[in-house]
Amino acid sequence: MAANVTAPPFRVIPIIPAILPGAMEGLKPFVASDKIQEALGFPGELVEDWHDRAIAKMGELLTKYRSLKVYLDACVHCGACSDKCHYFLGTRDPKNMPVARQDLMRSVYRRYFTLPGKFFPKLVGARNLTREVLDEWYSYFHQCSECRRCSVFCPYGIDTAEITMAAREILDSVGYGQKYSNEIIGKVHKIGNNLGLPGPALEDTLAGLEEDVKEASGSDVRFPLDVKGAQVLLITPSADFFAEPHIDSLIGYAKVFHAAGISWTLSSMASEAGNFGLFIGNYEQMRKVALRIRQAALELGVKRIVVGECGHAWRVAYSFWNTLTGIGDGASDPFALQLQRQLDHRYRQPSHICELTWDLIERKAITLDPDANDHLVVTFHDSCNVARGSRMGEMPGGQFEIPRAIIRASANHYVEMQDATTREKTFCCGGGGGLLTDDLMDLRVKGALPRMEALKEVVDRDGVNFMATICAICKTQFSKVMPYYGYNMRMVGGVHQLVSNAIRLGD
């Protein structure tokens, strides 16, 4: 655990904390080096004319994304969002109220893009873009995980995440980018996954998994790589290949495919479901990452594309792949049309692994023994980007019900956390949006407080000892912060980890 980081004390839910001005002032993630920046086409360091470039970039984004201008104009400071952000609840810094964080950009927007701001700046809360303001942007727009919980409660539907993404894109454009997110994007462009894991290392890892599963289950469960003609291309977060508890979900996917007799493959070229282009608000970076997946699907000749347990990966796949790559009838370029002819449209394209597994359970194509998880009392954490940026299945709210249905089919003991902390109102894990870096550990621990408080309630009342989720970032974040709150890091895991325990293979 990081030095000099302590978890705040538990409180009674719900809480509106007393503010603590300046509590997180100056907290910043590491700035990207010139090599990291230039690899993505951004300036290597803060440019001399950063002020003019930043204002020009803001003007470009306001023209390109009409929603951004609407969000900056629409806010009436009603306060409905003020106590909805997990970072404000955990840090008590008033600038982590969504409305206050928006105003960091809104005040500059008013100064340069509205008549009242140009002529009467003090009357409308407009301010000049100074270096101090730019530093404030870099600090507080990296204290937002883009979870969009505040948008659920906003009467105008203002999306703070879009404002955060716009601010980060402006910062990148003047050479003031974040090391963690931009370095990861560069690894995907160069190698194909967030970890920089080369193909031979991935192949060795998968071979080792086959041996482990054979020893544990007696079944020859395969973890295929770059198999042409396979029915399914699985796109999963690269953490699934080596990290705990992620790898247990990968084993679960493989067992599901094995038990159902579905041919599948991973791709060494597109071995990453995560797309950090979303976090920095850069459409071109997001598209470049996504196009690797289209290329892999075309080269391997697959009929289905299935996304593993990763929250923002599923949001990008569900909401953006159609226009980014043509996966889902969105694009019209020759490669997109070729892919549309190749994919089997009897299935949802793309599909979430939970959709595939639940369909097999309903059709009794696989058999689960929930008694295998009788040592667990399970609860479920809804991941933000799944809950508020996607759907699953045919019915509204499928993204909430399908994972829970799989859990109930896999385990006999299931408990819900408070309604105000689940489904579309779910709290963020505290590490999303490109903030899953140790230089922000203090923020991450404090941001996890609302979820830990809701978890504590069902632990104390119902004996919950396992929290399932379908997001790689959530798994990593909770594994790291749970010890600060007195919980074992192994208390969190994937839905398909439960499936892996319960599924019956062979006779």
Protein backbone atom coordinates (compact mmCIF):
# COMPACT_ATOMS: atom_id res chain seq x y z
CA MET A 1 0.00 0.00 0.00
CA ALA A 2 1.16 3.53 -0.77
CA ALA A 3 2.82 5.46 2.02
CA ASN A 4 0.98 8.30 3.79
CA VAL A 5 -2.41 7.26 2.38
CA THR A 6 -5.24 6.56 4.83
CA ALA A 7 -8.84 5.65 4.19
CA PRO A 8 -11.51 8.03 5.50
CA PRO A 9 -13.75 6.61 8.26
CA PHE A 10 -17.02 4.93 7.29
CA ARG A 11 -20.19 7.00 7.54
CA VAL A 12 -23.93 6.38 7.50
CA ILE A 13 -25.54 6.44 4.04
CA PRO A 14 -26.68 8.86 2.62
CA ILE A 15 -24.21 11.59 3.38
CA ILE A 16 -23.75 15.19 2.30
CA PRO A 17 -20.33 16.01 3.70
CA ALA A 18 -19.14 19.35 4.99
CA ILE A 19 -16.92 20.93 2.36
CA LEU A 20 -13.17 21.13 2.77
CA PRO A 21 -11.95 23.80 0.31
CA GLY A 22 -8.63 23.04 -1.34
CA ALA A 23 -8.50 19.48 0.02
CA MET A 24 -7.21 18.08 -3.29
CA GLU A 25 -5.70 21.25 -4.72
CA GLY A 26 -2.47 20.57 -6.56
CA LEU A 27 -2.99 16.79 -6.78
CA LYS A 28 -1.88 15.87 -10.29
CA PRO A 29 -1.02 12.73 -12.20
CA PHE A 30 2.39 12.53 -13.84
CA VAL A 31 2.70 14.55 -17.04
CA ALA A 32 3.44 12.62 -20.23
CA SER A 33 7.00 12.82 -21.57
CA ASP A 34 7.80 14.20 -25.01
CA LYS A 35 8.18 10.67 -26.43
CA ILE A 36 4.79 9.58 -25.15
CA GLN A 37 3.11 12.74 -26.45
CA GLU A 38 4.76 12.77 -29.85
CA ALA A 39 3.94 9.11 -30.45
CA LEU A 40 0.28 10.14 -30.45
CA GLY A 41 0.81 13.23 -32.58
CA PHE A 42 0.60 15.71 -29.70
CA PRO A 43 3.21 18.38 -28.84
CA GLY A 44 6.02 16.94 -26.75
CA GLU A 45 5.80 19.66 -24.10
CA LEU A 46 3.74 22.73 -23.29
CA VAL A 47 3.96 24.93 -26.36
CA GLU A 48 4.90 28.60 -26.11
CA ASP A 49 1.62 29.78 -27.61
CA TRP A 50 -0.43 27.41 -25.45
CA HIS A 51 -3.01 30.10 -24.64
CA ASP A 52 -4.02 30.81 -28.23
CA ARG A 53 -3.89 27.14 -29.18
CA ALA A 54 -6.06 26.16 -26.23
CA ILE A 55 -8.71 28.76 -27.06
CA ALA A 56 -8.64 27.75 -30.72
CA LYS A 57 -9.04 24.10 -29.76
CA MET A 58 -11.97 24.95 -27.53
CA GLY A 59 -13.58 26.80 -30.41
CA GLU A 60 -13.02 23.80 -32.66
CA LEU A 61 -14.65 21.44 -30.16
CA LEU A 62 -17.59 23.78 -29.60
CA THR A 63 -18.21 23.77 -33.35
CA LYS A 64 -17.63 20.03 -33.76
CA TYR A 65 -19.70 18.88 -30.78
CA ARG A 66 -22.89 20.87 -30.40
CA SER A 67 -23.65 19.02 -27.17
CA LEU A 68 -20.57 20.56 -25.53
CA LYS A 69 -21.86 24.08 -26.14
CA VAL A 70 -25.32 23.11 -24.89
CA TYR A 71 -23.86 21.68 -21.68
CA LEU A 72 -21.76 24.79 -21.05
CA ASP A 73 -24.75 27.07 -21.65
CA ALA A 74 -27.50 25.08 -19.93
CA CYS A 75 -26.35 24.79 -16.33
CA VAL A 76 -28.40 26.89 -13.85
CA HIS A 77 -26.36 25.87 -10.78
CA CYS A 78 -29.34 24.16 -9.18
CA GLY A 79 -27.04 21.91 -7.14
CA ALA A 80 -28.77 18.63 -8.00
CA CYS A 81 -25.41 17.10 -8.91
CA SER A 82 -23.39 18.55 -6.05
CA ASP A 83 -23.39 15.55 -3.72
CA LYS A 84 -23.54 12.84 -6.40
CA CYS A 85 -19.84 12.59 -7.25
CA HIS A 86 -17.90 9.89 -5.39
CA TYR A 87 -14.79 12.08 -5.45
CA PHE A 88 -16.59 14.94 -3.76
CA LEU A 89 -18.12 12.56 -1.21
CA GLY A 90 -14.70 11.10 -0.49
CA THR A 91 -12.52 14.23 -0.64
CA ARG A 92 -15.01 16.98 0.36
CA ASP A 93 -13.21 19.33 -2.02
CA PRO A 94 -15.95 21.61 -3.44
CA LYS A 95 -14.19 21.74 -6.81
CA ASN A 96 -15.01 18.05 -7.10
CA MET A 97 -18.68 18.86 -7.16
CA PRO A 98 -19.66 18.22 -10.80
CA VAL A 99 -21.07 21.72 -11.23
CA ALA A 100 -17.88 23.29 -9.87
CA ARG A 101 -15.66 21.10 -12.01
CA GLN A 102 -17.70 22.08 -15.08
CA ASP A 103 -17.28 25.73 -14.13
CA LEU A 104 -13.52 25.44 -14.47
CA MET A 105 -14.15 25.27 -18.21
CA ARG A 106 -17.44 27.17 -18.29
CA SER A 107 -15.80 30.30 -16.86
CA VAL A 108 -13.19 30.30 -19.65
CA TYR A 109 -15.84 29.53 -22.27
CA ARG A 110 -17.86 32.54 -21.14
CA ARG A 111 -14.82 34.83 -21.30
CA TYR A 112 -13.90 34.03 -24.90
CA PHE A 113 -17.10 32.77 -26.54
CA THR A 114 -19.99 34.82 -25.11
CA LEU A 115 -20.74 38.53 -25.42
CA PRO A 116 -21.46 39.11 -21.71
CA GLY A 117 -18.18 37.38 -20.85
CA LYS A 118 -16.21 39.53 -23.27
CA PHE A 119 -17.62 42.85 -22.02
CA PHE A 120 -18.70 42.18 -18.40
CA PRO A 121 -16.62 39.18 -17.31
CA LYS A 122 -16.97 39.63 -13.55
CA LEU A 123 -20.76 39.86 -13.76
CA VAL A 124 -21.07 36.42 -15.42
CA GLY A 125 -18.26 34.57 -13.70
CA ALA A 126 -15.97 34.67 -16.72
CA ARG A 127 -12.19 34.49 -16.31
CA ASN A 128 -9.10 34.57 -18.46
CA LEU A 129 -7.22 31.39 -19.30
CA THR A 130 -4.02 31.85 -17.32
CA ARG A 131 -1.30 29.33 -16.55
CA GLU A 132 -2.77 28.95 -13.06
CA VAL A 133 -6.15 28.11 -14.59
CA LEU A 134 -4.53 25.63 -16.97
CA ASP A 135 -2.84 23.89 -14.02
CA GLU A 136 -6.18 23.85 -12.22
CA TRP A 137 -7.71 22.15 -15.26
CA TYR A 138 -4.97 19.54 -15.28
CA SER A 139 -5.51 18.82 -11.59
CA TYR A 140 -9.30 18.69 -11.32
CA PHE A 141 -10.16 17.27 -14.73
CA HIS A 142 -7.97 14.36 -13.67
CA GLN A 143 -10.13 14.02 -10.56
CA CYS A 144 -13.13 12.99 -12.66
CA SER A 145 -13.59 9.37 -13.73
CA GLU A 146 -16.15 10.31 -16.40
CA CYS A 147 -18.61 7.95 -14.70
CA ARG A 148 -21.63 10.15 -15.56
CA ARG A 149 -23.47 9.51 -12.30
CA CYS A 150 -24.06 13.24 -11.93
CA SER A 151 -25.84 13.23 -15.30
CA VAL A 152 -28.47 10.83 -13.95
CA PHE A 153 -29.52 13.43 -11.40
CA CYS A 154 -29.11 16.57 -13.55
CA PRO A 155 -32.54 17.95 -14.59
CA TYR A 156 -30.97 19.16 -17.85
CA GLY A 157 -29.00 15.99 -18.54
CA ILE A 158 -25.64 17.78 -18.59
CA ASP A 159 -22.87 15.27 -19.19
CA THR A 160 -19.90 16.26 -17.05
CA ALA A 161 -17.88 13.47 -18.66
CA GLU A 162 -18.05 15.19 -22.04
CA ILE A 163 -16.77 18.42 -20.50
CA THR A 164 -13.94 16.51 -18.81
CA MET A 165 -13.01 14.80 -22.07
CA ALA A 166 -13.02 18.13 -23.91
CA ALA A 167 -10.71 19.65 -21.29
CA ARG A 168 -8.30 16.73 -21.56
CA GLU A 169 -8.27 16.97 -25.33
CA ILE A 170 -7.44 20.68 -25.09
CA LEU A 171 -4.64 19.90 -22.63
CA ASP A 172 -3.20 17.25 -24.97
CA SER A 173 -3.36 19.65 -27.90
CA VAL A 174 -1.05 22.13 -26.14
CA GLY A 175 1.40 19.49 -24.89
CA TYR A 176 0.06 18.99 -21.36
CA GLY A 177 -1.02 15.33 -21.48
CA GLN A 178 -1.31 12.69 -18.78
CA LYS A 179 1.40 10.03 -18.70
CA TYR A 180 -0.76 7.06 -17.70
CA SER A 181 -3.48 7.25 -20.37
CA ASN A 182 -1.29 8.43 -23.22
CA GLU A 183 1.41 5.85 -22.57
CA ILE A 184 -1.23 3.10 -22.65
CA ILE A 185 -2.68 4.35 -25.93
CA GLY A 186 0.81 4.32 -27.44
CA LYS A 187 1.32 0.69 -26.36
CA VAL A 188 -1.90 -0.34 -28.09
CA HIS A 189 -0.88 1.40 -31.31
CA LYS A 190 2.54 -0.25 -31.25
CA ILE A 191 1.89 -3.71 -29.83
CA GLY A 192 -1.86 -4.20 -29.51
CA ASN A 193 -2.61 -4.10 -25.79
CA ASN A 194 -2.42 -1.81 -22.77
CA LEU A 195 0.35 -3.80 -21.14
CA GLY A 196 2.77 -3.86 -24.06
CA LEU A 197 2.59 -7.68 -23.95
CA PRO A 198 4.13 -9.05 -27.19
CA GLY A 199 2.61 -11.94 -29.13
CA PRO A 200 5.11 -14.65 -28.02
CA ALA A 201 4.59 -13.76 -24.35
CA LEU A 202 0.83 -13.90 -24.82
CA GLU A 203 1.12 -17.30 -26.54
CA ASP A 204 3.20 -18.67 -23.65
CA THR A 205 0.71 -17.32 -21.11
CA LEU A 206 -2.21 -19.01 -22.84
CA ALA A 207 -0.34 -22.30 -23.11
CA GLY A 208 0.31 -22.15 -19.37
CA LEU A 209 -3.38 -21.55 -18.72
CA GLU A 210 -4.30 -24.65 -20.72
CA GLU A 211 -2.01 -26.71 -18.50
CA ASP A 212 -3.41 -25.18 -15.32
CA VAL A 213 -7.04 -25.77 -16.31
CA LYS A 214 -6.28 -29.33 -17.41
CA GLU A 215 -4.69 -30.05 -14.04
CA ALA A 216 -7.57 -28.45 -12.12
CA SER A 217 -10.53 -29.78 -14.12
CA GLY A 218 -9.27 -32.72 -16.14
CA SER A 219 -10.66 -31.14 -19.32
CA ASP A 220 -8.72 -30.01 -22.38
CA VAL A 221 -9.96 -26.42 -22.39
CA ARG A 222 -8.18 -24.46 -25.10
CA PHE A 223 -7.11 -20.83 -25.17
CA PRO A 224 -6.65 -20.36 -28.94
CA LEU A 225 -4.69 -17.51 -30.50
CA ASP A 226 -4.89 -16.24 -34.10
CA VAL A 227 -7.02 -19.17 -35.31
CA LYS A 228 -8.44 -18.40 -38.75
CA GLY A 229 -12.01 -19.48 -39.37
CA ALA A 230 -13.02 -19.51 -35.71
CA GLN A 231 -16.63 -18.56 -35.09
CA VAL A 232 -15.96 -16.02 -32.31
CA LEU A 233 -13.27 -13.38 -31.91
CA LEU A 234 -13.00 -12.59 -28.20
CA ILE A 235 -11.83 -9.06 -27.42
CA THR A 236 -11.02 -8.86 -23.73
CA PRO A 237 -9.01 -6.58 -21.44
CA SER A 238 -5.34 -7.53 -21.42
CA ALA A 239 -5.42 -7.77 -17.61
CA ASP A 240 -7.32 -11.02 -18.17
CA PHE A 241 -4.13 -12.63 -19.45
CA PHE A 242 -2.13 -12.50 -16.24
CA ALA A 243 -3.54 -10.51 -13.34
CA GLU A 244 -5.71 -11.72 -10.48
CA PRO A 245 -8.66 -11.82 -10.24
CA HIS A 246 -9.07 -11.06 -13.95
CA ILE A 247 -7.55 -14.30 -15.18
CA ASP A 248 -10.26 -16.33 -13.43
CA SER A 249 -12.84 -14.67 -15.67
CA LEU A 250 -10.80 -15.52 -18.78
CA ILE A 251 -10.79 -19.13 -17.62
CA GLY A 252 -14.56 -18.84 -17.23
CA TYR A 253 -14.98 -17.56 -20.81
CA ALA A 254 -12.88 -20.44 -22.14
CA LYS A 255 -14.90 -22.99 -20.18
CA VAL A 256 -18.15 -21.55 -21.54
CA PHE A 257 -16.91 -21.80 -25.14
CA HIS A 258 -15.58 -25.31 -24.47
CA ALA A 259 -18.79 -26.58 -22.85
CA ALA A 260 -20.97 -25.09 -25.60
CA GLY A 261 -18.75 -26.36 -28.42
CA ILE A 262 -18.17 -22.84 -29.81
CA SER A 263 -14.96 -22.29 -31.74
CA TRP A 264 -13.25 -19.08 -30.71
CA THR A 265 -9.97 -17.24 -30.80
CA LEU A 266 -8.03 -14.35 -29.37
CA SER A 267 -5.96 -12.09 -31.59
CA SER A 268 -2.32 -11.18 -30.93
CA MET A 269 -2.76 -8.02 -33.00
CA ALA A 270 -5.92 -6.87 -31.21
CA SER A 271 -5.34 -8.27 -27.74
CA GLU A 272 -7.03 -5.39 -25.91
CA ALA A 273 -10.66 -4.51 -25.33
CA GLY A 274 -9.87 -1.30 -23.45
CA ASN A 275 -9.83 1.93 -25.41
CA PHE A 276 -8.27 4.82 -23.50
CA GLY A 277 -8.94 7.14 -26.43
CA LEU A 278 -12.35 7.56 -24.79
CA PHE A 279 -10.78 8.84 -21.59
CA ILE A 280 -8.80 11.62 -23.25
CA GLY A 281 -11.76 12.62 -25.42
CA ASN A 282 -9.90 12.09 -28.69
CA TYR A 283 -12.05 10.54 -31.39
CA GLU A 284 -9.14 9.82 -33.73
CA GLN A 285 -7.15 7.97 -31.06
CA MET A 286 -10.26 6.02 -30.15
CA ARG A 287 -10.87 5.11 -33.79
CA LYS A 288 -7.28 4.05 -34.38
CA VAL A 289 -7.46 1.64 -31.45
CA ALA A 290 -10.82 0.27 -32.62
CA LEU A 291 -9.65 -0.27 -36.19
CA ARG A 292 -7.16 -2.90 -34.99
CA ILE A 293 -10.14 -4.98 -33.92
CA ARG A 294 -11.79 -4.63 -37.32
CA GLN A 295 -8.58 -5.64 -39.03
CA ALA A 296 -8.21 -8.70 -36.79
CA ALA A 297 -11.82 -9.74 -37.43
CA LEU A 298 -11.34 -9.47 -41.20
CA GLU A 299 -8.04 -11.32 -41.25
CA LEU A 300 -9.30 -14.16 -39.05
CA GLY A 301 -12.64 -14.46 -40.86
CA VAL A 302 -14.73 -14.70 -37.69
CA LYS A 303 -18.52 -14.62 -37.61
CA ARG A 304 -19.03 -13.02 -34.21
CA ILE A 305 -17.21 -10.42 -32.11
CA VAL A 306 -17.62 -10.83 -28.35
CA VAL A 307 -16.35 -8.38 -25.72
CA GLY A 308 -15.11 -9.59 -22.33
CA GLU A 309 -15.60 -8.11 -18.88
CA CYS A 310 -14.49 -4.49 -19.28
CA GLY A 311 -16.78 -1.56 -18.55
CA HIS A 312 -15.52 1.18 -20.84
CA ALA A 313 -14.57 -1.38 -23.51
CA TRP A 314 -18.20 -2.45 -23.71
CA ARG A 315 -19.38 1.17 -23.80
CA VAL A 316 -17.04 1.91 -26.71
CA ALA A 317 -18.08 -1.31 -28.47
CA TYR A 318 -21.79 -0.75 -27.91
CA SER A 319 -21.95 3.00 -28.50
CA PHE A 320 -19.05 3.78 -30.85
CA TRP A 321 -17.87 0.77 -32.85
CA ASN A 322 -20.59 1.23 -35.45
CA THR A 323 -19.30 4.65 -36.46
CA LEU A 324 -15.64 4.00 -35.61
CA THR A 325 -15.24 0.78 -37.55
CA GLY A 326 -18.48 -0.38 -39.12
CA ILE A 327 -18.99 -3.19 -36.61
CA GLY A 328 -22.74 -2.84 -36.22
CA ASP A 329 -23.90 -1.39 -39.57
CA GLY A 330 -22.56 2.11 -39.00
CA ALA A 331 -19.87 2.80 -41.61
CA SER A 332 -19.85 2.61 -45.39
CA ASP A 333 -16.18 2.28 -46.35
CA PRO A 334 -15.18 -0.89 -48.28
CA PHE A 335 -13.66 -2.67 -45.27
CA ALA A 336 -16.73 -1.98 -43.13
CA LEU A 337 -18.99 -3.35 -45.84
CA GLN A 338 -16.75 -6.40 -46.18
CA LEU A 339 -17.02 -7.01 -42.45
CA GLN A 340 -20.81 -6.65 -42.56
CA ARG A 341 -20.99 -9.37 -45.22
CA GLN A 342 -18.71 -11.59 -43.16
CA LEU A 343 -20.43 -11.33 -39.75
CA ASP A 344 -23.39 -13.53 -38.84
CA HIS A 345 -26.26 -11.15 -38.19
CA ARG A 346 -28.34 -13.73 -36.41
CA TYR A 347 -26.27 -12.59 -33.44
CA ARG A 348 -25.91 -9.14 -31.95
CA GLN A 349 -22.73 -7.52 -33.31
CA PRO A 350 -20.85 -6.93 -31.13
CA SER A 351 -22.03 -9.06 -28.20
CA HIS A 352 -21.04 -8.93 -24.56
CA ILE A 353 -19.75 -12.16 -23.05
CA CYS A 354 -22.63 -11.97 -20.55
CA GLU A 355 -25.15 -11.93 -23.42
CA LEU A 356 -23.54 -15.02 -24.93
CA THR A 357 -23.36 -16.89 -21.61
CA TRP A 358 -26.90 -16.03 -20.55
CA ASP A 359 -28.26 -17.16 -23.92
CA LEU A 360 -26.48 -20.51 -23.44
CA ILE A 361 -27.86 -20.83 -19.90
CA GLU A 362 -31.40 -20.11 -21.05
CA ARG A 363 -31.10 -22.67 -23.86
CA LYS A 364 -29.59 -25.19 -21.43
CA ALA A 365 -26.58 -25.45 -23.72
CA ILE A 366 -24.33 -25.36 -20.66
CA THR A 367 -24.88 -26.74 -17.17
CA LEU A 368 -24.12 -24.85 -13.97
CA ASP A 369 -23.96 -26.19 -10.43
CA PRO A 370 -24.56 -23.22 -8.08
CA ASP A 371 -23.61 -25.39 -5.10
CA ALA A 372 -19.98 -25.00 -6.23
CA ASN A 373 -20.13 -21.40 -4.99
CA ASP A 374 -21.83 -22.14 -1.68
CA HIS A 375 -18.81 -20.79 0.19
CA LEU A 376 -19.63 -17.35 -1.22
CA VAL A 377 -22.29 -14.78 -0.37
CA VAL A 378 -22.27 -12.62 -3.47
CA THR A 379 -23.20 -9.03 -4.23
CA PHE A 380 -22.84 -7.18 -7.55
CA HIS A 381 -21.18 -3.87 -8.38
CA ASP A 382 -22.61 -2.24 -11.54
CA SER A 383 -19.75 -0.74 -13.54
CA CYS A 384 -20.37 2.85 -14.63
CA ASN A 385 -19.84 2.58 -18.37
CA VAL A 386 -21.96 -0.55 -18.60
CA ALA A 387 -24.71 0.88 -16.41
CA ARG A 388 -24.93 4.36 -17.92
CA GLY A 389 -23.49 3.96 -21.42
CA SER A 390 -24.71 0.67 -22.86
CA ARG A 391 -27.35 -2.04 -22.95
CA MET A 392 -27.47 -5.82 -23.13
CA GLY A 393 -30.06 -8.13 -24.60
CA GLU A 394 -33.47 -7.23 -25.96
CA MET A 395 -35.01 -5.45 -23.00
CA PRO A 396 -34.31 -2.05 -21.46
CA GLY A 397 -32.15 -2.52 -18.40
CA GLY A 398 -30.66 -5.74 -19.72
CA GLN A 399 -27.23 -4.49 -18.68
CA PHE A 400 -28.45 -4.71 -15.08
CA GLU A 401 -30.49 -7.91 -15.21
CA ILE A 402 -28.36 -10.22 -17.37
CA PRO A 403 -25.23 -10.19 -15.14
CA ARG A 404 -27.41 -10.69 -12.07
CA ALA A 405 -29.24 -13.57 -13.74
CA ILE A 406 -25.90 -15.25 -14.48
CA ILE A 407 -24.81 -14.80 -10.86
CA ARG A 408 -28.06 -16.31 -9.55
CA ALA A 409 -27.61 -19.26 -11.91
CA SER A 410 -24.05 -19.72 -10.66
CA ALA A 411 -24.46 -19.13 -6.91
CA ASN A 412 -27.14 -19.86 -4.32
CA HIS A 413 -26.49 -16.87 -2.10
CA TYR A 414 -26.95 -13.42 -3.66
CA VAL A 415 -27.57 -10.07 -1.93
CA GLU A 416 -28.19 -6.60 -3.40
CA MET A 417 -26.57 -3.44 -2.10
CA GLN A 418 -28.70 -0.34 -1.50
CA ASP A 419 -30.85 0.67 -4.48
CA ALA A 420 -29.43 4.19 -4.37
CA THR A 421 -25.96 2.77 -5.05
CA THR A 422 -26.72 0.28 -7.83
CA ARG A 423 -27.97 0.05 -11.42
CA GLU A 424 -28.11 3.47 -13.14
CA LYS A 425 -27.30 5.16 -9.80
CA THR A 426 -24.24 3.01 -9.20
CA PHE A 427 -21.17 4.56 -7.63
CA CYS A 428 -17.91 4.46 -9.55
CA CYS A 429 -15.16 2.23 -8.20
CA GLY A 430 -12.99 5.36 -7.97
CA GLY A 431 -10.36 4.33 -10.51
CA GLY A 432 -12.04 4.76 -13.90
CA GLY A 433 -11.58 7.37 -16.59
CA GLY A 434 -7.81 7.00 -16.81
CA LEU A 435 -7.18 7.51 -13.09
CA LEU A 436 -6.02 3.96 -12.31
CA THR A 437 -2.48 5.06 -11.57
CA ASP A 438 -0.56 4.97 -8.30
CA ASP A 439 0.31 8.66 -8.46
CA LEU A 440 -3.40 9.24 -7.79
CA MET A 441 -3.73 6.63 -5.03
CA ASP A 442 -4.95 9.14 -2.44
CA LEU A 443 -7.77 10.17 -4.80
CA ARG A 444 -8.57 6.56 -5.66
CA VAL A 445 -8.90 5.50 -2.04
CA LYS A 446 -11.12 8.46 -1.19
CA GLY A 447 -13.17 8.01 -4.36
CA ALA A 448 -13.91 4.38 -3.42
CA LEU A 449 -15.49 5.44 -0.12
CA PRO A 450 -19.18 5.51 -1.23
CA ARG A 451 -18.97 2.00 -2.71
CA MET A 452 -17.10 0.68 0.32
CA GLU A 453 -19.80 2.12 2.59
CA ALA A 454 -22.53 0.37 0.60
CA LEU A 455 -20.50 -2.84 0.63
CA LYS A 456 -19.93 -2.63 4.38
CA GLU A 457 -23.68 -2.51 4.95
CA VAL A 458 -24.30 -5.88 3.24
CA VAL A 459 -21.14 -7.39 4.72
CA ASP A 460 -22.32 -6.56 8.23
CA ARG A 461 -25.98 -7.44 7.62
CA ASP A 462 -25.80 -10.42 5.26
CA GLY A 463 -22.28 -11.78 5.50
CA VAL A 464 -21.32 -10.87 1.94
CA ASN A 465 -17.79 -12.09 1.19
CA PHE A 466 -17.58 -11.67 -2.60
CA MET A 467 -18.35 -8.65 -4.81
CA ALA A 468 -18.70 -9.55 -8.48
CA THR A 469 -18.27 -7.05 -11.29
CA ILE A 470 -17.79 -7.04 -15.06
CA CYS A 471 -15.05 -4.45 -15.42
CA ALA A 472 -11.28 -4.89 -15.45
CA ILE A 473 -10.69 -1.42 -14.02
CA CYS A 474 -13.14 -2.07 -11.18
CA LYS A 475 -11.39 -5.36 -10.36
CA THR A 476 -7.97 -3.71 -10.32
CA GLN A 477 -9.15 -0.69 -8.36
CA PHE A 478 -10.98 -2.67 -5.68
CA SER A 479 -8.12 -5.16 -5.34
CA LYS A 480 -5.85 -2.22 -4.54
CA VAL A 481 -8.10 -0.12 -2.29
CA MET A 482 -10.02 -2.79 -0.34
CA PRO A 483 -7.15 -3.39 2.12
CA TYR A 484 -7.32 0.30 3.09
CA TYR A 485 -10.89 -0.37 4.26
CA GLY A 486 -10.07 -3.60 6.06
CA TYR A 487 -11.20 -6.02 3.35
CA ASN A 488 -9.27 -8.80 1.63
CA MET A 489 -8.27 -7.92 -1.92
CA ARG A 490 -9.57 -11.32 -3.09
CA MET A 491 -13.08 -10.29 -2.11
CA VAL A 492 -13.63 -8.87 -5.62
CA GLY A 493 -13.83 -10.87 -8.83
CA GLY A 494 -15.63 -11.34 -12.11
CA VAL A 495 -19.05 -12.73 -12.92
CA HIS A 496 -17.36 -15.35 -15.07
CA GLN A 497 -15.16 -16.29 -12.14
CA LEU A 498 -18.38 -17.58 -10.55
CA VAL A 499 -19.32 -19.24 -13.84
CA SER A 500 -15.91 -20.89 -13.96
CA ASN A 501 -16.48 -22.41 -10.52
CA ALA A 502 -20.01 -23.61 -11.33
CA ILE A 503 -19.81 -24.84 -14.92
CA ARG A 504 -19.86 -28.60 -15.54
CA LEU A 505 -17.43 -29.85 -18.16
CA GLY A 506 -17.61 -33.21 -19.93
CA ASP A 507 -19.46 -36.01 -18.12
